[in-house]
């Protein structure tokens, strides 16, 4: 069974996230870039991938350290995504990493971020 795993990378200086779609044989398509926001300064440890809106399509969440917010790219499937939806974290929060899980045991996925 071949699993077509993909790679997501946060690009600190170019204010974007790169997605490399996997072919299932160890090779990948050229990257597609999703813009985060001006001054976002995202690091690679600030990206999580999961189905966050329960539509069985993978979504991407990125912590934007430079702009004090979390951004989510909801997936359409086949490697396509909506524009980033921003969630403010508060002035000076500077989120640096994200961890996701069901912290409240309500069978819903939540985020925990560190600064």
PDB file of N, CA and C in Angstrom:
ATOM      1  N   UNK A   1       0.838  -1.183   0.000  1.00  0.00           N
ATOM      2  CA  UNK A   1       0.000   0.000   0.000  1.00  0.00           C
ATOM      3  C   UNK A   1       0.880   1.242   0.000  1.00  0.00           C
ATOM      4  N   UNK A   2       0.762   2.067  -1.012  1.00  0.00           N
ATOM      5  CA  UNK A   2       1.479   3.334  -1.069  1.00  0.00           C
ATOM      6  C   UNK A   2       0.654   4.423  -0.406  1.00  0.00           C
ATOM      7  N   UNK A   3       1.279   5.134   0.507  1.00  0.00           N
ATOM      8  CA  UNK A   3       0.652   6.280   1.140  1.00  0.00           C
ATOM      9  C   UNK A   3       1.269   7.527   0.554  1.00  0.00           C
ATOM     10  N   UNK A   4       0.433   8.425   0.095  1.00  0.00           N
ATOM     11  CA  UNK A   4       0.924   9.651  -0.514  1.00  0.00           C
ATOM     12  C   UNK A   4       1.049  10.732   0.551  1.00  0.00           C
ATOM     13  N   UNK A   5       2.159  10.693   1.289  1.00  0.00           N
ATOM     14  CA  UNK A   5       2.421  11.701   2.301  1.00  0.00           C
ATOM     15  C   UNK A   5       2.978  12.958   1.647  1.00  0.00           C
ATOM     16  N   UNK A   6       2.665  14.091   2.235  1.00  0.00           N
ATOM     17  CA  UNK A   6       3.114  15.380   1.726  1.00  0.00           C
ATOM     18  C   UNK A   6       4.016  16.043   2.768  1.00  0.00           C
ATOM     19  N   UNK A   7       4.684  17.122   2.365  1.00  0.00           N
ATOM     20  CA  UNK A   7       5.557  17.879   3.260  1.00  0.00           C
ATOM     21  C   UNK A   7       5.067  19.330   3.302  1.00  0.00           C
ATOM     22  N   UNK A   8       5.006  19.895   4.507  1.00  0.00           N
ATOM     23  CA  UNK A   8       4.657  21.305   4.692  1.00  0.00           C
ATOM     24  C   UNK A   8       5.806  21.972   5.438  1.00  0.00           C
ATOM     25  N   UNK A   9       6.255  23.115   4.927  1.00  0.00           N
ATOM     26  CA  UNK A   9       7.376  23.840   5.522  1.00  0.00           C
ATOM     27  C   UNK A   9       6.996  25.309   5.684  1.00  0.00           C
ATOM     28  N   UNK A  10       7.244  25.869   6.876  1.00  0.00           N
ATOM     29  CA  UNK A  10       7.051  27.303   7.091  1.00  0.00           C
ATOM     30  C   UNK A  10       8.313  28.024   6.655  1.00  0.00           C
ATOM     31  N   UNK A  11       8.149  29.100   5.907  1.00  0.00           N
ATOM     32  CA  UNK A  11       9.269  29.873   5.371  1.00  0.00           C
ATOM     33  C   UNK A  11       9.367  31.208   6.108  1.00  0.00           C
ATOM     34  N   UNK A  12      10.355  31.334   6.961  1.00  0.00           N
ATOM     35  CA  UNK A  12      10.491  32.491   7.842  1.00  0.00           C
ATOM     36  C   UNK A  12      10.572  33.816   7.084  1.00  0.00           C
ATOM     37  N   UNK A  13      11.485  33.923   6.143  1.00  0.00           N
ATOM     38  CA  UNK A  13      11.712  35.199   5.471  1.00  0.00           C
ATOM     39  C   UNK A  13      10.747  35.496   4.324  1.00  0.00           C
ATOM     40  N   UNK A  14      10.145  34.485   3.736  1.00  0.00           N
ATOM     41  CA  UNK A  14       9.280  34.751   2.584  1.00  0.00           C
ATOM     42  C   UNK A  14       7.804  34.829   2.954  1.00  0.00           C
ATOM     43  N   UNK A  15       7.488  34.753   4.263  1.00  0.00           N
ATOM     44  CA  UNK A  15       6.119  34.912   4.741  1.00  0.00           C
ATOM     45  C   UNK A  15       5.150  34.002   3.994  1.00  0.00           C
ATOM     46  N   UNK A  16       5.500  32.710   3.976  1.00  0.00           N
ATOM     47  CA  UNK A  16       4.680  31.736   3.278  1.00  0.00           C
ATOM     48  C   UNK A  16       4.874  30.353   3.884  1.00  0.00           C
ATOM     49  N   UNK A  17       4.029  29.433   3.447  1.00  0.00           N
ATOM     50  CA  UNK A  17       4.141  28.020   3.773  1.00  0.00           C
ATOM     51  C   UNK A  17       4.263  27.284   2.448  1.00  0.00           C
ATOM     52  N   UNK A  18       5.242  26.394   2.322  1.00  0.00           N
ATOM     53  CA  UNK A  18       5.414  25.613   1.099  1.00  0.00           C
ATOM     54  C   UNK A  18       4.856  24.210   1.301  1.00  0.00           C
ATOM     55  N   UNK A  19       4.154  23.723   0.286  1.00  0.00           N
ATOM     56  CA  UNK A  19       3.588  22.377   0.317  1.00  0.00           C
ATOM     57  C   UNK A  19       4.184  21.589  -0.836  1.00  0.00           C
ATOM     58  N   UNK A  20       4.748  20.426  -0.499  1.00  0.00           N
ATOM     59  CA  UNK A  20       5.265  19.499  -1.505  1.00  0.00           C
ATOM     60  C   UNK A  20       4.347  18.283  -1.494  1.00  0.00           C
ATOM     61  N   UNK A  21       3.553  18.094  -2.536  1.00  0.00           N
ATOM     62  CA  UNK A  21       2.641  16.955  -2.604  1.00  0.00           C
ATOM     63  C   UNK A  21       3.405  15.700  -2.988  1.00  0.00           C
ATOM     64  N   UNK A  22       3.180  14.641  -2.224  1.00  0.00           N
ATOM     65  CA  UNK A  22       3.885  13.387  -2.461  1.00  0.00           C
ATOM     66  C   UNK A  22       3.219  12.531  -3.522  1.00  0.00           C
ATOM     67  N   UNK A  23       4.033  11.796  -4.260  1.00  0.00           N
ATOM     68  CA  UNK A  23       3.534  10.875  -5.271  1.00  0.00           C
ATOM     69  C   UNK A  23       3.363   9.462  -4.734  1.00  0.00           C
ATOM     70  N   UNK A  24       3.819   9.201  -3.507  1.00  0.00           N
ATOM     71  CA  UNK A  24       3.697   7.870  -2.924  1.00  0.00           C
ATOM     72  C   UNK A  24       4.862   6.955  -3.234  1.00  0.00           C
ATOM     73  N   UNK A  25       5.862   7.449  -3.956  1.00  0.00           N
ATOM     74  CA  UNK A  25       7.024   6.634  -4.312  1.00  0.00           C
ATOM     75  C   UNK A  25       8.335   7.260  -3.821  1.00  0.00           C
ATOM     76  N   UNK A  26       8.211   8.192  -2.867  1.00  0.00           N
ATOM     77  CA  UNK A  26       9.395   8.872  -2.344  1.00  0.00           C
ATOM     78  C   UNK A  26       9.752  10.147  -3.079  1.00  0.00           C
ATOM     79  N   UNK A  27       8.993  10.501  -4.115  1.00  0.00           N
ATOM     80  CA  UNK A  27       9.256  11.749  -4.831  1.00  0.00           C
ATOM     81  C   UNK A  27       8.084  12.706  -4.620  1.00  0.00           C
ATOM     82  N   UNK A  28       8.347  13.989  -4.899  1.00  0.00           N
ATOM     83  CA  UNK A  28       7.373  15.025  -4.606  1.00  0.00           C
ATOM     84  C   UNK A  28       7.248  15.984  -5.781  1.00  0.00           C
ATOM     85  N   UNK A  29       6.075  16.596  -5.901  1.00  0.00           N
ATOM     86  CA  UNK A  29       5.839  17.631  -6.908  1.00  0.00           C
ATOM     87  C   UNK A  29       6.559  18.907  -6.483  1.00  0.00           C
ATOM     88  N   UNK A  30       6.724  19.827  -7.407  1.00  0.00           N
ATOM     89  CA  UNK A  30       7.270  21.137  -7.066  1.00  0.00           C
ATOM     90  C   UNK A  30       6.391  21.784  -6.006  1.00  0.00           C
ATOM     91  N   UNK A  31       6.985  22.657  -5.220  1.00  0.00           N
ATOM     92  CA  UNK A  31       6.244  23.255  -4.110  1.00  0.00           C
ATOM     93  C   UNK A  31       5.197  24.243  -4.593  1.00  0.00           C
ATOM     94  N   UNK A  32       4.126  24.297  -3.832  1.00  0.00           N
ATOM     95  CA  UNK A  32       3.101  25.324  -3.961  1.00  0.00           C
ATOM     96  C   UNK A  32       3.230  26.187  -2.716  1.00  0.00           C
ATOM     97  N   UNK A  33       3.162  27.493  -2.848  1.00  0.00           N
ATOM     98  CA  UNK A  33       3.313  28.383  -1.702  1.00  0.00           C
ATOM     99  C   UNK A  33       1.980  29.012  -1.335  1.00  0.00           C
ATOM    100  N   UNK A  34       1.700  29.011  -0.031  1.00  0.00           N
ATOM    101  CA  UNK A  34       0.542  29.685   0.527  1.00  0.00           C
ATOM    102  C   UNK A  34       1.060  30.874   1.325  1.00  0.00           C
ATOM    103  N   UNK A  35       0.575  32.068   1.043  1.00  0.00           N
ATOM    104  CA  UNK A  35       1.043  33.256   1.750  1.00  0.00           C
ATOM    105  C   UNK A  35       0.447  33.303   3.147  1.00  0.00           C
ATOM    106  N   UNK A  36       1.298  33.604   4.132  1.00  0.00           N
ATOM    107  CA  UNK A  36       0.818  33.789   5.497  1.00  0.00           C
ATOM    108  C   UNK A  36       0.419  35.245   5.634  1.00  0.00           C
ATOM    109  N   UNK A  37       1.267  36.111   6.138  1.00  0.00           N
ATOM    110  CA  UNK A  37       0.963  37.543   6.184  1.00  0.00           C
ATOM    111  C   UNK A  37       2.269  38.309   6.335  1.00  0.00           C
ATOM    112  N   UNK A  38       2.252  39.563   5.947  1.00  0.00           N
ATOM    113  CA  UNK A  38       3.459  40.391   6.039  1.00  0.00           C
ATOM    114  C   UNK A  38       3.955  40.420   7.479  1.00  0.00           C
ATOM    115  N   UNK A  39       5.241  40.112   7.651  1.00  0.00           N
ATOM    116  CA  UNK A  39       5.846  40.124   8.977  1.00  0.00           C
ATOM    117  C   UNK A  39       5.508  38.929   9.833  1.00  0.00           C
ATOM    118  N   UNK A  40       4.954  37.856   9.247  1.00  0.00           N
ATOM    119  CA  UNK A  40       4.513  36.700  10.041  1.00  0.00           C
ATOM    120  C   UNK A  40       5.663  35.951  10.700  1.00  0.00           C
ATOM    121  N   UNK A  41       6.818  35.881  10.049  1.00  0.00           N
ATOM    122  CA  UNK A  41       8.015  35.243  10.627  1.00  0.00           C
ATOM    123  C   UNK A  41       7.744  33.858  11.201  1.00  0.00           C
ATOM    124  N   UNK A  42       7.183  32.972  10.410  1.00  0.00           N
ATOM    125  CA  UNK A  42       6.863  31.623  10.854  1.00  0.00           C
ATOM    126  C   UNK A  42       8.076  30.709  10.775  1.00  0.00           C
ATOM    127  N   UNK A  43       8.223  29.860  11.761  1.00  0.00           N
ATOM    128  CA  UNK A  43       9.282  28.854  11.804  1.00  0.00           C
ATOM    129  C   UNK A  43       8.692  27.492  11.464  1.00  0.00           C
ATOM    130  N   UNK A  44       9.539  26.520  11.137  1.00  0.00           N
ATOM    131  CA  UNK A  44       9.046  25.203  10.747  1.00  0.00           C
ATOM    132  C   UNK A  44       8.336  24.479  11.881  1.00  0.00           C
ATOM    133  N   UNK A  45       8.648  24.800  13.128  1.00  0.00           N
ATOM    134  CA  UNK A  45       7.998  24.116  14.244  1.00  0.00           C
ATOM    135  C   UNK A  45       6.619  24.687  14.539  1.00  0.00           C
ATOM    136  N   UNK A  46       6.153  25.626  13.736  1.00  0.00           N
ATOM    137  CA  UNK A  46       4.885  26.280  14.010  1.00  0.00           C
ATOM    138  C   UNK A  46       3.772  25.807  13.073  1.00  0.00           C
ATOM    139  N   UNK A  47       3.940  24.677  12.448  1.00  0.00           N
ATOM    140  CA  UNK A  47       2.947  24.180  11.503  1.00  0.00           C
ATOM    141  C   UNK A  47       2.383  22.857  12.008  1.00  0.00           C
ATOM    142  N   UNK A  48       1.061  22.721  11.995  1.00  0.00           N
ATOM    143  CA  UNK A  48       0.428  21.430  12.260  1.00  0.00           C
ATOM    144  C   UNK A  48      -0.536  21.136  11.118  1.00  0.00           C
ATOM    145  N   UNK A  49      -0.696  19.868  10.811  1.00  0.00           N
ATOM    146  CA  UNK A  49      -1.589  19.441   9.740  1.00  0.00           C
ATOM    147  C   UNK A  49      -2.550  18.410  10.312  1.00  0.00           C
ATOM    148  N   UNK A  50      -3.824  18.621  10.065  1.00  0.00           N
ATOM    149  CA  UNK A  50      -4.861  17.722  10.565  1.00  0.00           C
ATOM    150  C   UNK A  50      -6.198  18.186   9.979  1.00  0.00           C
ATOM    151  N   UNK A  51      -7.200  17.361  10.083  1.00  0.00           N
ATOM    152  CA  UNK A  51      -8.551  17.753   9.689  1.00  0.00           C
ATOM    153  C   UNK A  51      -9.180  18.504  10.860  1.00  0.00           C
ATOM    154  N   UNK A  52      -9.093  19.826  10.840  1.00  0.00           N
ATOM    155  CA  UNK A  52      -9.556  20.640  11.956  1.00  0.00           C
ATOM    156  C   UNK A  52     -11.048  20.946  11.908  1.00  0.00           C
ATOM    157  N   UNK A  53     -11.671  20.891  10.730  1.00  0.00           N
ATOM    158  CA  UNK A  53     -13.089  21.237  10.632  1.00  0.00           C
ATOM    159  C   UNK A  53     -13.972  20.026  10.320  1.00  0.00           C
ATOM    160  N   UNK A  54     -13.464  18.822  10.544  1.00  0.00           N
ATOM    161  CA  UNK A  54     -14.232  17.572  10.429  1.00  0.00           C
ATOM    162  C   UNK A  54     -14.876  17.350   9.061  1.00  0.00           C
ATOM    163  N   UNK A  55     -14.148  17.688   7.984  1.00  0.00           N
ATOM    164  CA  UNK A  55     -14.663  17.420   6.640  1.00  0.00           C
ATOM    165  C   UNK A  55     -13.842  16.333   5.941  1.00  0.00           C
ATOM    166  N   UNK A  56     -13.002  15.635   6.668  1.00  0.00           N
ATOM    167  CA  UNK A  56     -12.086  14.563   6.231  1.00  0.00           C
ATOM    168  C   UNK A  56     -11.032  15.032   5.221  1.00  0.00           C
ATOM    169  N   UNK A  57     -10.779  16.338   5.171  1.00  0.00           N
ATOM    170  CA  UNK A  57      -9.730  16.905   4.325  1.00  0.00           C
ATOM    171  C   UNK A  57      -8.723  17.596   5.239  1.00  0.00           C
ATOM    172  N   UNK A  58      -7.440  17.361   5.002  1.00  0.00           N
ATOM    173  CA  UNK A  58      -6.389  17.935   5.838  1.00  0.00           C
ATOM    174  C   UNK A  58      -6.342  19.460   5.724  1.00  0.00           C
ATOM    175  N   UNK A  59      -6.137  20.108   6.864  1.00  0.00           N
ATOM    176  CA  UNK A  59      -5.993  21.554   6.958  1.00  0.00           C
ATOM    177  C   UNK A  59      -4.614  21.865   7.533  1.00  0.00           C
ATOM    178  N   UNK A  60      -4.183  23.100   7.426  1.00  0.00           N
ATOM    179  CA  UNK A  60      -2.866  23.514   7.930  1.00  0.00           C
ATOM    180  C   UNK A  60      -3.061  24.683   8.891  1.00  0.00           C
ATOM    181  N   UNK A  61      -2.433  24.594  10.062  1.00  0.00           N
ATOM    182  CA  UNK A  61      -2.406  25.710  11.009  1.00  0.00           C
ATOM    183  C   UNK A  61      -0.961  26.149  11.163  1.00  0.00           C
ATOM    184  N   UNK A  62      -0.742  27.462  11.144  1.00  0.00           N
ATOM    185  CA  UNK A  62       0.594  28.020  11.288  1.00  0.00           C
ATOM    186  C   UNK A  62       0.560  29.131  12.335  1.00  0.00           C
ATOM    187  N   UNK A  63       1.555  29.140  13.219  1.00  0.00           N
ATOM    188  CA  UNK A  63       1.703  30.218  14.200  1.00  0.00           C
ATOM    189  C   UNK A  63       2.541  31.317  13.567  1.00  0.00           C
ATOM    190  N   UNK A  64       1.989  32.510  13.510  1.00  0.00           N
ATOM    191  CA  UNK A  64       2.670  33.654  12.914  1.00  0.00           C
ATOM    192  C   UNK A  64       3.261  34.508  14.031  1.00  0.00           C
ATOM    193  N   UNK A  65       4.503  34.213  14.370  1.00  0.00           N
ATOM    194  CA  UNK A  65       5.158  34.864  15.502  1.00  0.00           C
ATOM    195  C   UNK A  65       5.203  36.377  15.358  1.00  0.00           C
ATOM    196  N   UNK A  66       5.530  36.867  14.188  1.00  0.00           N
ATOM    197  CA  UNK A  66       5.710  38.299  13.986  1.00  0.00           C
ATOM    198  C   UNK A  66       4.433  39.105  14.015  1.00  0.00           C
ATOM    199  N   UNK A  67       3.280  38.447  13.802  1.00  0.00           N
ATOM    200  CA  UNK A  67       2.011  39.176  13.774  1.00  0.00           C
ATOM    201  C   UNK A  67       1.062  38.747  14.898  1.00  0.00           C
ATOM    202  N   UNK A  68       1.545  37.949  15.843  1.00  0.00           N
ATOM    203  CA  UNK A  68       0.776  37.576  17.038  1.00  0.00           C
ATOM    204  C   UNK A  68      -0.564  36.907  16.721  1.00  0.00           C
ATOM    205  N   UNK A  69      -0.562  35.969  15.766  1.00  0.00           N
ATOM    206  CA  UNK A  69      -1.802  35.281  15.469  1.00  0.00           C
ATOM    207  C   UNK A  69      -1.545  33.861  14.995  1.00  0.00           C
ATOM    208  N   UNK A  70      -2.603  33.054  14.987  1.00  0.00           N
ATOM    209  CA  UNK A  70      -2.598  31.746  14.346  1.00  0.00           C
ATOM    210  C   UNK A  70      -3.360  31.899  13.040  1.00  0.00           C
ATOM    211  N   UNK A  71      -2.904  31.198  12.025  1.00  0.00           N
ATOM    212  CA  UNK A  71      -3.612  31.204  10.755  1.00  0.00           C
ATOM    213  C   UNK A  71      -3.960  29.779  10.377  1.00  0.00           C
ATOM    214  N   UNK A  72      -5.142  29.576   9.817  1.00  0.00           N
ATOM    215  CA  UNK A  72      -5.540  28.248   9.367  1.00  0.00           C
ATOM    216  C   UNK A  72      -5.885  28.308   7.885  1.00  0.00           C
ATOM    217  N   UNK A  73      -5.331  27.347   7.153  1.00  0.00           N
ATOM    218  CA  UNK A  73      -5.657  27.147   5.748  1.00  0.00           C
ATOM    219  C   UNK A  73      -6.564  25.921   5.690  1.00  0.00           C
ATOM    220  N   UNK A  74      -7.851  26.113   5.431  1.00  0.00           N
ATOM    221  CA  UNK A  74      -8.767  24.986   5.319  1.00  0.00           C
ATOM    222  C   UNK A  74      -8.584  24.333   3.954  1.00  0.00           C
ATOM    223  N   UNK A  75      -8.476  23.006   3.951  1.00  0.00           N
ATOM    224  CA  UNK A  75      -8.210  22.282   2.719  1.00  0.00           C
ATOM    225  C   UNK A  75      -9.448  22.041   1.883  1.00  0.00           C
ATOM    226  N   UNK A  76      -9.276  22.106   0.566  1.00  0.00           N
ATOM    227  CA  UNK A  76     -10.295  21.726  -0.409  1.00  0.00           C
ATOM    228  C   UNK A  76     -10.095  20.277  -0.852  1.00  0.00           C
ATOM    229  N   UNK A  77      -8.910  19.737  -0.617  1.00  0.00           N
ATOM    230  CA  UNK A  77      -8.542  18.435  -1.139  1.00  0.00           C
ATOM    231  C   UNK A  77      -7.606  18.582  -2.318  1.00  0.00           C
ATOM    232  N   UNK A  78      -6.863  17.508  -2.635  1.00  0.00           N
ATOM    233  CA  UNK A  78      -5.917  17.506  -3.764  1.00  0.00           C
ATOM    234  C   UNK A  78      -4.872  18.612  -3.658  1.00  0.00           C
ATOM    235  N   UNK A  79      -4.528  19.013  -2.420  1.00  0.00           N
ATOM    236  CA  UNK A  79      -3.469  20.001  -2.230  1.00  0.00           C
ATOM    237  C   UNK A  79      -3.888  21.443  -2.415  1.00  0.00           C
ATOM    238  N   UNK A  80      -5.185  21.731  -2.433  1.00  0.00           N
ATOM    239  CA  UNK A  80      -5.649  23.105  -2.565  1.00  0.00           C
ATOM    240  C   UNK A  80      -6.252  23.583  -1.240  1.00  0.00           C
ATOM    241  N   UNK A  81      -6.140  24.889  -0.971  1.00  0.00           N
ATOM    242  CA  UNK A  81      -6.548  25.444   0.312  1.00  0.00           C
ATOM    243  C   UNK A  81      -7.225  26.796   0.136  1.00  0.00           C
ATOM    244  N   UNK A  82      -8.116  27.136   1.074  1.00  0.00           N
ATOM    245  CA  UNK A  82      -8.687  28.480   1.153  1.00  0.00           C
ATOM    246  C   UNK A  82      -7.609  29.451   1.581  1.00  0.00           C
ATOM    247  N   UNK A  83      -7.846  30.728   1.399  1.00  0.00           N
ATOM    248  CA  UNK A  83      -6.939  31.739   1.944  1.00  0.00           C
ATOM    249  C   UNK A  83      -6.902  31.603   3.462  1.00  0.00           C
ATOM    250  N   UNK A  84      -5.810  32.048   4.052  1.00  0.00           N
ATOM    251  CA  UNK A  84      -5.613  31.898   5.486  1.00  0.00           C
ATOM    252  C   UNK A  84      -6.648  32.694   6.277  1.00  0.00           C
ATOM    253  N   UNK A  85      -7.223  32.041   7.291  1.00  0.00           N
ATOM    254  CA  UNK A  85      -8.118  32.678   8.242  1.00  0.00           C
ATOM    255  C   UNK A  85      -7.286  32.967   9.487  1.00  0.00           C
ATOM    256  N   UNK A  86      -7.295  34.211   9.965  1.00  0.00           N
ATOM    257  CA  UNK A  86      -6.466  34.610  11.097  1.00  0.00           C
ATOM    258  C   UNK A  86      -7.240  34.557  12.412  1.00  0.00           C
ATOM    259  N   UNK A  87      -6.532  34.101  13.466  1.00  0.00           N
ATOM    260  CA  UNK A  87      -7.055  34.095  14.822  1.00  0.00           C
ATOM    261  C   UNK A  87      -6.070  34.857  15.703  1.00  0.00           C
ATOM    262  N   UNK A  88      -6.426  36.065  16.159  1.00  0.00           N
ATOM    263  CA  UNK A  88      -5.508  36.874  16.974  1.00  0.00           C
ATOM    264  C   UNK A  88      -5.177  36.190  18.297  1.00  0.00           C
ATOM    265  N   UNK A  89      -3.918  36.280  18.701  1.00  0.00           N
ATOM    266  CA  UNK A  89      -3.460  35.697  19.962  1.00  0.00           C
ATOM    267  C   UNK A  89      -3.230  36.766  21.027  1.00  0.00           C
ATOM    268  N   UNK A  90      -3.287  38.016  20.671  1.00  0.00           N
ATOM    269  CA  UNK A  90      -3.066  39.100  21.623  1.00  0.00           C
ATOM    270  C   UNK A  90      -1.704  39.725  21.423  1.00  0.00           C
ATOM    271  N   UNK A  91      -1.631  41.005  21.659  1.00  0.00           N
ATOM    272  CA  UNK A  91      -0.401  41.760  21.462  1.00  0.00           C
ATOM    273  C   UNK A  91       0.738  41.171  22.293  1.00  0.00           C
ATOM    274  N   UNK A  92       1.875  40.965  21.660  1.00  0.00           N
ATOM    275  CA  UNK A  92       3.067  40.464  22.342  1.00  0.00           C
ATOM    276  C   UNK A  92       3.084  38.970  22.601  1.00  0.00           C
ATOM    277  N   UNK A  93       2.086  38.224  22.113  1.00  0.00           N
ATOM    278  CA  UNK A  93       2.053  36.774  22.379  1.00  0.00           C
ATOM    279  C   UNK A  93       3.149  36.028  21.616  1.00  0.00           C
ATOM    280  N   UNK A  94       3.484  36.470  20.426  1.00  0.00           N
ATOM    281  CA  UNK A  94       4.559  35.909  19.601  1.00  0.00           C
ATOM    282  C   UNK A  94       4.576  34.378  19.612  1.00  0.00           C
ATOM    283  N   UNK A  95       3.513  33.711  19.151  1.00  0.00           N
ATOM    284  CA  UNK A  95       3.468  32.241  19.183  1.00  0.00           C
ATOM    285  C   UNK A  95       4.628  31.640  18.403  1.00  0.00           C
ATOM    286  N   UNK A  96       5.288  30.674  19.000  1.00  0.00           N
ATOM    287  CA  UNK A  96       6.476  30.072  18.409  1.00  0.00           C
ATOM    288  C   UNK A  96       6.254  28.624  17.984  1.00  0.00           C
ATOM    289  N   UNK A  97       5.380  27.896  18.653  1.00  0.00           N
ATOM    290  CA  UNK A  97       5.107  26.517  18.274  1.00  0.00           C
ATOM    291  C   UNK A  97       3.654  26.183  18.578  1.00  0.00           C
ATOM    292  N   UNK A  98       3.182  25.105  17.974  1.00  0.00           N
ATOM    293  CA  UNK A  98       1.792  24.677  18.138  1.00  0.00           C
ATOM    294  C   UNK A  98       1.777  23.189  18.466  1.00  0.00           C
ATOM    295  N   UNK A  99       0.918  22.816  19.377  1.00  0.00           N
ATOM    296  CA  UNK A  99       0.632  21.415  19.661  1.00  0.00           C
ATOM    297  C   UNK A  99      -0.880  21.273  19.599  1.00  0.00           C
ATOM    298  N   UNK A 100      -1.367  20.225  18.983  1.00  0.00           N
ATOM    299  CA  UNK A 100      -2.805  20.013  18.900  1.00  0.00           C
ATOM    300  C   UNK A 100      -3.194  18.698  19.543  1.00  0.00           C
ATOM    301  N   UNK A 101      -4.379  18.664  20.098  1.00  0.00           N
ATOM    302  CA  UNK A 101      -4.900  17.451  20.698  1.00  0.00           C
ATOM    303  C   UNK A 101      -6.280  17.694  21.269  1.00  0.00           C
ATOM    304  N   UNK A 102      -6.884  16.676  21.812  1.00  0.00           N
ATOM    305  CA  UNK A 102      -8.182  16.794  22.466  1.00  0.00           C
ATOM    306  C   UNK A 102      -7.932  17.014  23.951  1.00  0.00           C
ATOM    307  N   UNK A 103      -7.599  18.244  24.332  1.00  0.00           N
ATOM    308  CA  UNK A 103      -7.221  18.565  25.711  1.00  0.00           C
ATOM    309  C   UNK A 103      -8.411  18.573  26.656  1.00  0.00           C
ATOM    310  N   UNK A 104      -9.611  18.856  26.149  1.00  0.00           N
ATOM    311  CA  UNK A 104     -10.797  18.924  27.005  1.00  0.00           C
ATOM    312  C   UNK A 104     -11.595  17.624  27.021  1.00  0.00           C
ATOM    313  N   UNK A 105     -11.114  16.615  26.293  1.00  0.00           N
ATOM    314  CA  UNK A 105     -11.765  15.299  26.203  1.00  0.00           C
ATOM    315  C   UNK A 105     -13.218  15.397  25.712  1.00  0.00           C
ATOM    316  N   UNK A 106     -13.458  16.319  24.759  1.00  0.00           N
ATOM    317  CA  UNK A 106     -14.790  16.463  24.176  1.00  0.00           C
ATOM    318  C   UNK A 106     -14.834  15.917  22.744  1.00  0.00           C
ATOM    319  N   UNK A 107     -13.806  15.175  22.360  1.00  0.00           N
ATOM    320  CA  UNK A 107     -13.671  14.589  21.020  1.00  0.00           C
ATOM    321  C   UNK A 107     -13.536  15.652  19.932  1.00  0.00           C
ATOM    322  N   UNK A 108     -13.068  16.849  20.332  1.00  0.00           N
ATOM    323  CA  UNK A 108     -12.787  17.929  19.391  1.00  0.00           C
ATOM    324  C   UNK A 108     -11.331  18.320  19.568  1.00  0.00           C
ATOM    325  N   UNK A 109     -10.699  18.687  18.465  1.00  0.00           N
ATOM    326  CA  UNK A 109      -9.281  19.014  18.447  1.00  0.00           C
ATOM    327  C   UNK A 109      -9.070  20.463  18.856  1.00  0.00           C
ATOM    328  N   UNK A 110      -8.156  20.703  19.799  1.00  0.00           N
ATOM    329  CA  UNK A 110      -7.820  22.055  20.224  1.00  0.00           C
ATOM    330  C   UNK A 110      -6.335  22.295  20.022  1.00  0.00           C
ATOM    331  N   UNK A 111      -5.920  23.560  20.197  1.00  0.00           N
ATOM    332  CA  UNK A 111      -4.521  23.945  20.030  1.00  0.00           C
ATOM    333  C   UNK A 111      -3.939  24.411  21.346  1.00  0.00           C
ATOM    334  N   UNK A 112      -2.657  24.182  21.486  1.00  0.00           N
ATOM    335  CA  UNK A 112      -1.883  24.754  22.581  1.00  0.00           C
ATOM    336  C   UNK A 112      -0.667  25.373  21.908  1.00  0.00           C
ATOM    337  N   UNK A 113      -0.348  26.596  22.226  1.00  0.00           N
ATOM    338  CA  UNK A 113       0.807  27.238  21.619  1.00  0.00           C
ATOM    339  C   UNK A 113       1.779  27.656  22.716  1.00  0.00           C
ATOM    340  N   UNK A 114       3.041  27.769  22.341  1.00  0.00           N
ATOM    341  CA  UNK A 114       4.038  28.267  23.282  1.00  0.00           C
ATOM    342  C   UNK A 114       4.688  29.495  22.699  1.00  0.00           C
ATOM    343  N   UNK A 115       5.293  30.304  23.550  1.00  0.00           N
ATOM    344  CA  UNK A 115       5.962  31.517  23.081  1.00  0.00           C
ATOM    345  C   UNK A 115       7.416  31.458  23.428  1.00  0.00           C
TER     346      UNK A 115
END
